[in-house]
Protein backbone atom coordinates (compact mmCIF):
# COMPACT_ATOMS: atom_id res chain seq x y z
CA MET A 1 -12.48 21.57 -8.69
CA MET A 2 -12.53 18.79 -6.02
CA ALA A 3 -13.99 19.60 -2.65
CA THR A 4 -10.78 18.34 -1.06
CA ALA A 5 -8.50 20.51 -3.12
CA MET A 6 -6.48 23.47 -1.81
CA ARG A 7 -8.55 26.47 -1.83
CA GLY A 8 -7.72 29.14 -4.46
CA GLN A 9 -5.22 26.75 -6.26
CA PRO A 10 -6.41 25.40 -9.75
CA TYR A 11 -6.52 21.61 -10.07
CA LYS A 12 -4.33 21.64 -13.12
CA ASN A 13 -1.43 22.86 -10.85
CA LEU A 14 -1.68 19.90 -8.59
CA MET A 15 0.45 16.74 -8.95
CA THR A 16 -0.95 13.70 -10.32
CA ALA A 17 -0.97 10.36 -8.84
CA ARG A 18 1.83 9.16 -11.05
CA ASP A 19 3.94 12.21 -10.06
CA LEU A 20 3.55 11.34 -6.26
CA LEU A 21 4.05 7.79 -7.03
CA GLU A 22 7.41 8.61 -8.69
CA ALA A 23 8.41 11.05 -5.93
CA TRP A 24 7.71 8.50 -3.12
CA ALA A 25 9.49 5.69 -5.05
CA LEU A 26 12.54 7.81 -4.99
CA ARG A 27 12.18 8.56 -1.46
CA LEU A 28 11.83 4.93 -0.50
CA GLU A 29 14.78 4.07 -2.50
CA ALA A 30 16.77 6.69 -0.79
CA GLU A 31 15.61 5.48 2.66
CA GLN A 32 16.50 1.91 1.61
CA GLN A 33 20.06 3.05 0.95
CA ARG A 34 20.15 4.87 4.31
CA VAL A 35 18.82 1.90 6.29
CA GLY A 36 21.17 -0.77 4.66
CA GLY A 37 23.94 -1.54 6.99
CA THR A 38 22.53 0.60 9.82
CA ALA A 39 21.42 -0.71 13.25
CA LEU A 40 17.81 -1.07 11.91
CA ASP A 41 18.90 -4.12 10.17
CA GLN A 42 21.58 -5.62 12.32
CA PRO A 43 20.97 -8.99 14.16
CA ILE A 44 19.51 -8.77 17.66
CA THR A 45 20.68 -11.56 19.86
CA GLN A 46 19.61 -12.92 23.21
CA VAL A 47 15.88 -12.78 22.30
CA ALA A 48 13.38 -14.87 24.30
CA GLY A 49 10.12 -15.96 22.81
CA ARG A 50 6.82 -17.73 23.61
CA LEU A 51 4.05 -19.00 21.50
CA VAL A 52 0.79 -17.02 21.95
CA HIS A 53 -1.52 -18.41 19.45
CA THR A 54 -1.74 -20.71 16.46
CA ILE A 55 -4.28 -20.61 13.61
CA GLY A 56 -3.99 -22.85 10.53
CA ALA A 57 -0.42 -22.46 9.27
CA LEU A 58 0.30 -19.10 11.13
CA HIS A 59 1.72 -18.66 14.59
CA LEU A 60 1.90 -15.60 16.82
CA TYR A 61 4.89 -15.24 19.05
CA GLU A 62 5.82 -12.78 21.70
CA LEU A 63 9.50 -11.86 21.47
CA THR A 64 11.41 -10.04 24.17
CA LEU A 65 14.24 -8.09 22.79
CA PRO A 66 17.13 -6.72 24.77
CA HIS A 67 16.45 -3.46 26.49
CA GLY A 68 16.77 -0.45 24.03
CA SER A 69 15.83 -2.58 21.10
CA SER A 70 12.70 -2.20 19.01
CA ILE A 71 11.34 -3.07 15.61
CA GLU A 72 8.63 -1.24 13.80
CA HIS A 73 5.27 -2.97 12.82
CA ASP A 74 5.00 -4.53 9.53
CA THR A 75 8.86 -5.19 9.31
CA PRO A 76 9.77 -8.55 7.98
CA LEU A 77 12.27 -10.42 10.11
CA SER A 78 14.01 -13.78 10.53
CA ILE A 79 14.05 -15.76 13.69
CA ILE A 80 16.95 -18.00 14.16
CA PRO A 81 16.40 -20.32 17.18
CA PRO A 82 19.28 -21.94 19.17
CA ASP A 83 20.40 -25.41 18.89
CA ASP A 84 20.59 -25.55 15.03
CA MET A 85 16.93 -25.33 14.64
CA GLU A 86 15.52 -24.20 11.24
CA PRO A 87 15.02 -20.44 11.04
CA THR A 88 11.66 -19.06 10.21
CA GLU A 89 10.28 -15.92 8.63
CA GLY A 90 7.86 -13.54 10.28
CA ILE A 91 6.29 -10.09 10.32
CA VAL A 92 6.02 -7.76 13.20
CA LEU A 93 2.45 -6.90 14.00
CA GLY A 94 2.94 -4.77 17.12
CA GLY A 95 4.17 -4.54 20.55
CA GLN A 96 5.35 -2.13 23.21
CA GLY A 97 8.91 -1.09 24.09
CA ASN A 98 11.18 -4.03 23.58
CA VAL A 99 8.35 -6.62 23.52
CA ILE A 100 7.07 -7.28 20.00
CA LEU A 101 4.35 -9.65 18.57
CA VAL A 102 5.43 -11.47 15.55
CA GLN A 103 3.38 -13.57 13.06
CA THR A 104 5.54 -16.35 11.78
CA PHE A 105 4.97 -18.93 9.05
CA ASP A 106 6.63 -21.91 10.92
CA ALA A 107 6.63 -22.89 14.43
CA ILE A 108 9.70 -22.67 16.56
CA GLY A 109 8.18 -24.36 19.72
CA LEU A 110 6.29 -23.40 22.63
CA SER A 111 9.18 -21.13 23.89
CA CYS A 112 12.69 -20.39 22.95
CA ALA A 113 15.57 -18.54 24.62
CA ASP A 114 18.71 -16.95 23.13
CA ALA A 115 17.33 -16.74 19.81
CA THR A 116 18.70 -14.20 17.16
CA VAL A 117 16.25 -11.99 15.33
CA VAL A 118 17.41 -10.32 11.96
CA PRO A 119 15.07 -7.39 10.87
CA ASP A 120 14.82 -6.68 7.18
CA ARG A 121 13.58 -2.95 7.03
CA ALA A 122 15.61 -2.56 3.82
CA GLY A 123 13.71 -5.35 2.23
CA LEU A 124 10.25 -3.93 3.25
CA LEU A 125 11.44 -0.71 1.58
CA ALA A 126 12.71 -2.50 -1.53
CA THR A 127 9.33 -4.53 -1.77
CA SER A 128 7.37 -1.26 -1.39
CA THR A 129 9.39 0.55 -3.95
CA THR A 130 8.96 -2.22 -6.45
CA ARG A 131 5.26 -2.04 -6.07
CA LEU A 132 5.22 1.69 -6.63
CA ARG A 133 7.41 1.23 -9.81
CA ASP A 134 4.94 -1.60 -10.98
CA MET A 135 2.13 0.84 -10.59
CA LEU A 136 3.98 3.35 -12.78
CA ALA A 137 5.00 0.79 -15.38
CA GLN A 138 1.61 -0.89 -15.63
CA PRO A 139 -0.98 1.76 -15.60
CA ASP A 140 -3.59 -0.51 -17.11
CA ALA A 141 -3.30 -3.09 -14.28
CA TYR A 142 -4.01 -0.43 -11.59
CA ARG A 143 -6.81 2.17 -11.27
CA LEU A 144 -5.06 5.51 -10.78
CA GLY A 145 -8.23 7.50 -11.36
CA PRO A 146 -9.54 7.43 -7.81
CA ALA A 147 -5.94 7.77 -6.60
CA ASP A 148 -5.70 11.13 -8.62
CA ARG A 149 -8.49 12.48 -6.50
CA LEU A 150 -6.61 11.65 -3.48
CA VAL A 151 -3.54 13.72 -4.54
CA PRO A 152 -5.05 17.27 -3.80
CA LEU A 153 -5.64 16.15 -0.26
CA LEU A 154 -2.10 14.71 0.30
CA GLU A 155 -0.70 17.84 -1.33
CA ALA A 156 -2.84 20.38 0.47
CA THR A 157 -1.32 22.58 3.20
CA THR A 158 -1.61 20.90 6.66
CA ARG A 159 -3.84 23.64 8.05
CA ALA A 160 -7.26 22.37 8.95
CA GLU A 161 -8.97 25.21 7.35
CA ASP A 162 -7.58 24.26 4.00
CA LEU A 163 -9.37 21.00 3.97
CA SER A 164 -12.81 20.35 2.96
CA GLY A 165 -14.97 18.28 5.21
CA THR A 166 -17.17 16.44 2.92
CA GLY A 167 -15.22 15.50 -0.30
CA SER A 168 -16.75 14.33 -3.58
CA SER A 169 -18.53 11.27 -4.96
CA ILE A 170 -15.16 9.55 -5.52
CA LEU A 171 -13.19 11.04 -2.53
CA THR A 172 -15.12 11.16 0.64
CA THR A 173 -13.67 12.55 3.94
CA VAL A 174 -14.88 11.70 7.36
CA TRP A 175 -13.28 14.30 9.73
CA SER A 176 -14.21 14.28 13.55
CA ASP A 177 -12.42 15.01 16.82
CA GLU A 178 -13.86 11.89 18.29
CA LEU A 179 -12.34 8.56 17.29
CA SER A 180 -15.44 6.60 18.40
CA VAL A 181 -17.66 8.88 16.32
CA ARG A 182 -15.48 8.38 13.20
CA ARG A 183 -15.43 4.65 13.53
CA GLN A 184 -19.13 4.38 14.14
CA ARG A 185 -19.72 6.42 10.93
CA LEU A 186 -17.32 4.07 8.99
CA ALA A 187 -19.02 0.99 10.29
CA VAL A 188 -22.41 2.47 9.00
CA LEU A 189 -20.79 3.26 5.81
CA ALA A 190 -19.27 -0.24 5.54
CA ILE A 191 -22.73 -1.85 6.09
CA GLU A 192 -24.08 0.38 3.40
CA LEU A 193 -21.37 -0.70 0.96
CA ILE A 194 -21.72 -4.46 1.70
CA ARG A 195 -25.40 -4.23 1.14
CA ALA A 196 -24.55 -2.61 -2.21
CA ASN A 197 -22.37 -5.70 -2.88
CA LYS A 198 -19.15 -3.70 -2.98
CA CYS A 199 -15.63 -5.19 -2.20
CA ILE A 200 -14.14 -2.96 0.50
CA LEU A 201 -10.39 -2.61 1.51
CA VAL A 202 -9.94 -1.16 4.80
CA VAL A 203 -6.40 0.18 5.85
CA CYS A 204 -5.34 1.22 9.26
CA PRO A 205 -2.01 2.74 10.40
CA ASN A 206 -1.20 -0.27 12.71
CA HIS A 207 -2.67 -3.47 13.61
CA GLN A 208 -4.15 -2.40 16.97
CA ALA A 209 -6.20 0.10 15.18
CA ALA A 210 -7.11 -2.63 12.71
CA ASP A 211 -8.39 -4.92 15.48
CA ALA A 212 -10.37 -2.07 16.99
CA LEU A 213 -12.17 -1.22 13.82
CA VAL A 214 -12.88 -4.86 12.94
CA GLY A 215 -14.64 -5.15 16.36
CA THR A 216 -16.58 -1.92 15.66
CA ILE A 217 -17.79 -2.84 12.20
CA ALA A 218 -18.51 -6.50 13.33
CA ARG A 219 -20.66 -5.16 16.31
CA ALA A 220 -22.57 -2.71 13.99
CA MET A 221 -23.24 -5.56 11.62
CA LYS A 222 -24.49 -7.86 14.27
CA ALA A 223 -26.79 -5.16 15.51
CA VAL A 224 -28.59 -4.91 12.00
CA GLY A 225 -28.74 -8.61 11.54
CA LEU A 226 -25.84 -9.15 9.15
CA MET A 227 -23.61 -12.20 9.43
CA TYR A 228 -20.36 -10.44 10.03
CA LYS A 229 -18.38 -13.82 9.92
CA THR A 230 -19.42 -14.20 6.28
CA TRP A 231 -18.33 -10.67 5.18
CA VAL A 232 -15.49 -9.35 7.42
CA SER A 233 -11.91 -10.67 7.31
CA ARG A 234 -8.89 -9.48 9.25
CA TYR A 235 -5.98 -10.11 7.02
CA GLU A 236 -3.42 -10.76 9.80
CA MET A 237 -3.73 -12.58 13.02
CA ALA A 238 -5.68 -10.48 15.44
CA LEU A 239 -3.61 -9.31 18.46
CA ALA A 240 -6.74 -9.17 20.74
CA GLN A 241 -9.08 -11.87 21.60
CA GLN A 242 -12.14 -9.79 21.74
CA VAL A 243 -13.12 -6.18 20.89
CA GLU A 244 -16.51 -4.77 21.99
CA GLY A 245 -17.63 -8.16 22.96
CA ILE A 246 -16.96 -9.61 19.50
CA GLY A 247 -14.40 -12.49 19.24
CA ILE A 248 -12.26 -11.28 16.37
CA GLN A 249 -9.78 -14.20 16.40
CA GLU A 250 -12.20 -16.09 14.15
CA LEU A 251 -12.42 -13.27 11.82
CA GLY A 252 -8.76 -13.72 10.73
CA PHE A 253 -8.15 -14.33 7.05
CA GLU A 254 -6.00 -17.38 7.92
CA ALA A 255 -8.66 -18.76 10.32
CA GLN A 256 -11.38 -18.35 7.87
CA MET A 257 -9.23 -19.99 5.06
CA HIS A 258 -8.19 -22.85 7.34
CA GLN A 259 -11.76 -23.41 8.35
CA PHE A 260 -12.91 -23.26 4.70
CA TYR A 261 -10.19 -25.61 3.39
CA ALA A 262 -10.74 -27.91 6.43
CA LYS A 263 -14.38 -28.23 5.50
CA SER A 264 -13.42 -28.47 1.90
CA ARG A 265 -11.00 -31.40 2.58
CA ALA A 266 -13.60 -33.12 4.95
CA ASP A 267 -16.09 -32.83 2.01
CA LYS A 268 -13.42 -34.22 -0.45
CA ALA A 269 -12.79 -36.99 1.99
CA ALA A 270 -16.50 -37.73 2.34
CA LEU A 271 -16.94 -37.68 -1.49
CA ARG A 272 -13.81 -40.02 -1.79
CA ARG A 273 -15.41 -42.49 0.62
CA LYS A 274 -18.66 -42.38 -1.29
CA TYR A 275 -17.01 -42.90 -4.58
CA ASP A 276 -14.79 -45.70 -3.33
CA ARG A 277 -17.96 -47.39 -1.77
CA PHE A 278 -19.79 -46.89 -5.21
CA ARG A 279 -16.76 -48.48 -7.06
CA GLU A 280 -16.84 -51.30 -4.48
CA LEU A 281 -20.59 -51.96 -4.83
CA THR A 282 -20.77 -51.62 -8.51
CA PRO A 283 -18.94 -54.96 -9.47
CA VAL A 284 -20.57 -56.60 -6.50
CA LEU A 285 -24.00 -55.73 -7.76
CA ALA A 286 -23.13 -56.49 -11.42
CA TYR A 287 -22.01 -59.82 -10.22
CA LYS A 288 -25.16 -60.36 -8.22
CA GLY A 289 -27.22 -59.19 -11.20
CA GLN A 290 -25.58 -61.58 -13.62
CA LYS A 291 -26.04 -64.43 -11.12
CA GLN A 292 -29.78 -63.35 -10.86
CA LYS A 293 -29.96 -63.53 -14.54
CA ASP A 294 -28.44 -67.07 -14.60
CA LEU A 295 -30.83 -68.12 -11.66
CA ASP A 296 -33.82 -66.77 -13.58
CA GLU A 297 -32.70 -68.90 -16.67
CA VAL A 298 -32.22 -72.06 -14.57
CA ARG A 299 -35.52 -71.50 -12.86
CA LEU A 300 -37.17 -71.03 -16.24
CA LEU A 301 -35.60 -74.38 -17.37
CA GLU A 302 -36.73 -76.06 -14.19
CA TRP A 303 -40.35 -74.81 -14.96
CA ARG A 304 -40.16 -76.22 -18.47
CA LEU A 305 -38.69 -79.60 -17.17
CA LEU A 306 -41.49 -79.88 -14.53
CA THR A 307 -44.07 -79.19 -17.17
CA GLN A 308 -42.55 -81.87 -19.37
CA VAL A 309 -42.63 -84.21 -16.53
CA GLY A 310 -46.18 -83.37 -15.58
CA ASP A 311 -47.29 -84.02 -19.17
CA LEU A 312 -45.46 -87.47 -19.24
CA GLN A 313 -46.97 -88.43 -15.88
CA ALA A 314 -50.31 -87.50 -17.12
CA LYS A 315 -49.70 -89.63 -20.15
CA ILE A 316 -48.46 -92.64 -18.11
CA LYS A 317 -51.65 -92.26 -15.97
CA ASP A 318 -53.83 -92.39 -19.03
CA ALA A 319 -52.01 -95.36 -20.33
CA ASN A 320 -52.27 -97.23 -17.11
CA ALA A 321 -55.93 -96.52 -16.82
CA THR A 322 -56.40 -97.70 -20.53
CA LEU A 323 -54.55 -100.85 -19.76
CA ALA A 324 -56.51 -101.59 -16.60
CA GLU A 325 -59.75 -101.06 -18.45
CA TYR A 326 -58.63 -102.50 -21.84
CA GLU A 327 -60.44 -105.94 -21.63
CA ASN A 328 -63.68 -104.31 -20.55
CA LEU A 329 -63.57 -101.82 -23.44
CA PRO A 330 -66.23 -102.30 -26.11
CA LEU A 331 -64.93 -103.96 -29.02
CA PHE A 332 -65.56 -100.95 -31.33
CA GLN A 333 -63.36 -98.88 -29.05
CA ARG A 334 -60.61 -101.41 -28.90
CA LEU A 335 -60.69 -101.70 -32.77
CA SER A 336 -60.50 -97.85 -33.05
CA MET A 337 -57.46 -97.86 -30.69
CA GLN A 338 -55.82 -100.55 -32.65
CA ALA A 339 -56.30 -98.62 -35.82
CA VAL A 340 -54.11 -95.83 -34.51
CA GLY A 341 -51.54 -98.29 -33.13
CA LYS A 342 -52.71 -98.54 -29.49
CA ASN A 343 -53.01 -102.07 -28.18
CA VAL A 344 -51.71 -103.74 -25.12
CA GLU A 345 -48.33 -104.32 -26.43
CA SER A 346 -47.88 -100.79 -27.71
CA LEU A 347 -49.27 -99.28 -24.63
CA HIS A 348 -46.70 -101.03 -22.55
CA GLN A 349 -44.02 -99.72 -24.98
CA TYR A 350 -45.38 -96.26 -24.48
CA LEU A 351 -45.32 -96.67 -20.73
CA GLY A 352 -41.64 -97.70 -20.98
CA LEU A 353 -40.76 -94.68 -23.23
CA TYR A 354 -42.66 -92.45 -20.94
CA GLU A 355 -40.88 -93.76 -17.77
CA SER A 356 -37.58 -93.49 -19.50
CA GLN A 357 -38.18 -89.87 -20.54
CA CYS A 358 -39.33 -89.06 -17.02
CA ALA A 359 -36.24 -90.54 -15.58
CA GLU A 360 -34.25 -88.39 -17.81
CA LEU A 361 -36.10 -85.25 -17.03
CA ARG A 362 -35.75 -85.92 -13.34
CA GLU A 363 -32.02 -86.18 -13.77
CA GLU A 364 -32.07 -82.78 -15.51
CA LEU A 365 -34.35 -81.46 -12.72
CA ASP A 366 -31.84 -82.65 -10.11
CA VAL A 367 -29.06 -80.79 -12.02
CA ALA A 368 -31.21 -77.63 -12.34
CA LYS A 369 -32.12 -77.81 -8.57
CA ALA A 370 -28.55 -78.19 -7.57
CA ARG A 371 -27.60 -75.21 -9.70
CA ILE A 372 -30.50 -73.14 -8.27
CA ASN A 373 -29.21 -73.96 -4.81
CA GLU A 374 -25.79 -72.66 -5.78
CA LEU A 375 -27.14 -69.60 -7.42
CA VAL A 376 -29.59 -68.48 -4.79
CA PRO A 377 -27.00 -67.28 -2.32
CA GLU A 378 -24.69 -66.00 -5.08
CA ALA A 379 -27.62 -63.86 -6.42
CA ALA A 380 -28.93 -62.69 -3.10
CA VAL A 381 -28.32 -59.08 -2.44
CA PRO A 382 -28.13 -57.89 1.17
CA LYS A 383 -31.12 -56.05 2.43
CA ASP A 384 -29.49 -52.56 2.80
CA MET A 385 -27.09 -52.94 -0.14
CA ARG A 386 -29.49 -52.03 -2.87
CA PRO A 387 -30.86 -48.85 -1.27
CA GLU A 388 -27.17 -47.83 -0.38
CA PHE A 389 -26.07 -48.32 -3.98
CA ASP A 390 -29.12 -46.31 -5.33
CA GLU A 391 -28.43 -43.43 -3.13
CA LEU A 392 -24.80 -43.32 -4.02
CA LYS A 393 -25.56 -43.59 -7.64
CA GLU A 394 -28.00 -40.69 -7.52
CA GLU A 395 -25.35 -38.60 -5.73
CA ILE A 396 -22.80 -39.54 -8.43
CA VAL A 397 -25.21 -38.52 -11.13
CA ARG A 398 -25.96 -35.22 -9.45
CA LEU A 399 -22.16 -34.31 -9.19
CA GLY A 400 -21.72 -34.94 -12.98
CA GLY A 401 -20.83 -38.68 -13.13
CA THR A 402 -17.76 -40.64 -12.22
CA LYS A 403 -15.54 -38.82 -14.65
CA LYS A 404 -16.38 -35.55 -13.10
CA ILE A 405 -15.67 -36.94 -9.63
CA ARG A 406 -12.39 -38.54 -10.53
CA GLU A 407 -11.31 -35.07 -11.82
CA LEU A 408 -12.36 -33.39 -8.52
CA LEU A 409 -10.54 -36.04 -6.46
CA ALA A 410 -7.48 -35.89 -8.70
CA ALA A 411 -7.22 -32.07 -8.49
CA GLU A 412 -4.45 -30.87 -6.17
CA GLU A 413 -5.53 -29.22 -2.76
CA ASP A 414 -4.42 -25.69 -3.59
CA THR A 415 -5.02 -23.02 -0.94
CA ASN A 416 -5.55 -20.24 -3.36
CA ARG A 417 -5.24 -17.17 -1.14
CA GLN A 418 -5.78 -14.81 -4.03
CA ALA A 419 -9.25 -16.42 -4.87
CA PHE A 420 -10.21 -16.68 -1.26
CA ILE A 421 -9.40 -13.04 -0.46
CA GLN A 422 -11.12 -11.82 -3.62
CA ASN A 423 -14.29 -13.46 -2.30
CA ARG A 424 -14.17 -11.52 1.15
CA ARG A 425 -16.46 -8.62 1.20
CA LEU A 426 -14.48 -6.50 3.58
CA VAL A 427 -10.79 -6.99 4.22
CA VAL A 428 -8.97 -5.07 7.04
CA THR A 429 -5.21 -4.73 7.23
CA THR A 430 -2.55 -2.03 7.44
CA ALA A 431 -1.51 0.17 4.41
CA SER A 432 2.06 -0.88 4.58
CA ARG A 433 1.03 -4.59 4.42
CA VAL A 434 -1.04 -3.77 1.31
CA LEU A 435 1.97 -2.09 -0.30
CA SER A 436 4.49 -4.76 0.53
CA ASP A 437 2.45 -8.02 0.36
CA PRO A 438 2.63 -9.57 -3.17
CA LEU A 439 -1.06 -10.89 -2.77
CA PHE A 440 -2.49 -7.39 -2.88
CA SER A 441 -0.80 -6.69 -6.23
CA ARG A 442 -3.22 -9.24 -7.71
CA VAL A 443 -6.49 -8.36 -6.11
CA ARG A 444 -8.79 -5.39 -6.65
CA PHE A 445 -11.42 -3.68 -4.76
CA ASP A 446 -14.23 -1.32 -5.24
CA VAL A 447 -13.87 0.98 -2.24
CA LEU A 448 -10.95 2.00 -0.07
CA ILE A 449 -11.58 3.13 3.53
CA ALA A 450 -8.54 4.59 5.25
CA ASP A 451 -9.10 4.71 9.01
CA GLU A 452 -6.82 7.29 10.99
CA ALA A 453 -5.61 8.25 7.40
CA PRO A 454 -3.19 11.09 8.73
CA TRP A 455 -1.27 8.50 10.63
CA ILE A 456 -0.70 6.50 7.33
CA ALA A 457 2.21 7.54 5.12
CA ALA A 458 1.50 8.85 1.73
CA ALA A 459 3.26 6.06 -0.12
CA PRO A 460 1.26 3.20 1.28
CA LEU A 461 -1.90 5.17 1.12
CA LEU A 462 -1.33 5.74 -2.67
CA GLY A 463 -0.53 1.99 -2.99
CA ALA A 464 -3.77 0.98 -1.47
CA ALA A 465 -5.68 3.67 -3.46
CA GLY A 466 -4.26 2.14 -6.77
CA LEU A 467 -6.23 -0.91 -6.05
CA VAL A 468 -9.72 0.50 -6.03
CA ARG A 469 -12.08 1.17 -8.86
CA GLU A 470 -14.65 3.51 -7.64
CA ARG A 471 -14.29 5.38 -4.38
CA ILE A 472 -11.88 6.43 -1.57
CA VAL A 473 -13.02 7.28 2.04
CA ILE A 474 -10.66 9.09 4.19
CA SER A 475 -11.21 9.34 8.03
CA GLY A 476 -9.38 10.96 10.74
CA ASP A 477 -8.79 14.13 12.80
CA ARG A 478 -7.67 16.91 10.65
CA ARG A 479 -5.31 18.14 13.38
CA ASP A 480 -3.25 14.94 13.16
CA ILE A 481 -2.31 15.77 9.54
CA ALA A 482 0.21 18.39 10.98
CA ALA A 483 1.05 16.25 14.01
CA ALA A 484 2.01 13.20 12.03
CA GLY A 485 3.65 15.03 9.28
CA LEU A 486 3.27 12.01 6.85
CA TRP A 487 1.53 13.94 4.08
CA ALA A 488 4.08 16.47 2.99
CA SER A 489 2.99 19.33 0.76
CA ARG A 490 4.72 19.82 -2.57
CA GLU A 491 6.75 22.75 -1.08
CA ALA A 492 7.78 20.63 1.88
CA GLN A 493 8.72 17.82 -0.52
CA LEU A 494 10.80 20.07 -2.58
CA SER A 495 12.61 21.53 0.38
CA GLN A 496 13.34 18.20 1.81
CA ASP A 497 14.64 16.92 -1.58
CA HIS A 498 16.94 19.89 -2.05
CA SER A 499 18.21 19.51 1.46
């Protein structure tokens, strides 16, 4: 028996999550049929708008509708500017009276007048119904175990005394009459879950509540020394600039993703510059290296020629010395020299030969020196080029070599929203956005926290519960369950269906 189940009613008599999903899918389909063609989806003309804020590829516009007109939050719409400008799609994030705040995917200028707005409430209901149907058709892709624990709470009578205040290990309830007390408890719980390395989905009934809760959680994390900018992500553009002294605009999912990919693109551009410079220096240094090799060979040849010239000059010196002293040499020494072919005549012949060889060698030396003079500047490496190349080569090797870098640079710049949001530790949005946004059908979380849960309809609350693996936390004021009337008991549901 779950702590949140109705007292005195066996668990086996309660509906399952699948039963509720089926019932709410039917209700949403019926509502979609009622909405289609009504004033809720009729074009609204004479709409004035002004740009409030831009982050990345998203824009926040304030639209002033004609008096008496309004559009519910999270309703998708189309904005058709005047003057044949391209229309853009958007989502209502909030507003008051006939003034609404819309998040758009394309800019329509700093301001516009006499625009036309076309709400698509039927489209929102159709998308939500499709998600519920997918959850029923693909039970293995969704986790309905924790959602089953939520069903007794949704199906309980709306009297406060019929609701347990503690919940179970899978379903935890945080009931309190004070909103600030509830949110502080949720902030403490969020910190505990983040430290436990859990992925948390936080849903609120509207975007103003989401902004307020983000500020409370961020402030609590800051107080305990946690980098809230690293962990917390507000899925939509924040409507407020600051909450409790915390700038929450920078916690927006789009802002974080824009900053991440801007840094990624900057890093990629820096890597490309390094790679291009490496490719530029590689043939230059290879050419310089080959010229240095040629220079070394010519210098070696020069050394050999100089050695040979030196040997010949030594022989010429000896021959001249012998000729100068020849008449004064002892007879025995002259006879010995003649015996080996050295006499005045032969010595003159030797001198002529040596001079001829020296002349040839000097010609070769002149050619070698001219070649050396050509090669020296060609082989010379600028002072800073070699250290620069060595540093670049070390970086290239560290990154996996030129092939790996070419693959990195050739890869398309894909802003993968799914991968990015899956790496966020705590994501805050509204339950209806979770149910209608296709991105959330592909990501999963460990824990669901529902802030002001009685003001969240059962269908989007179930849709969010189907995305979590381990635990659901319900927070709110128990008196609001009856006041909101969004969690119909089974008896109320049956009576409504029969009516």
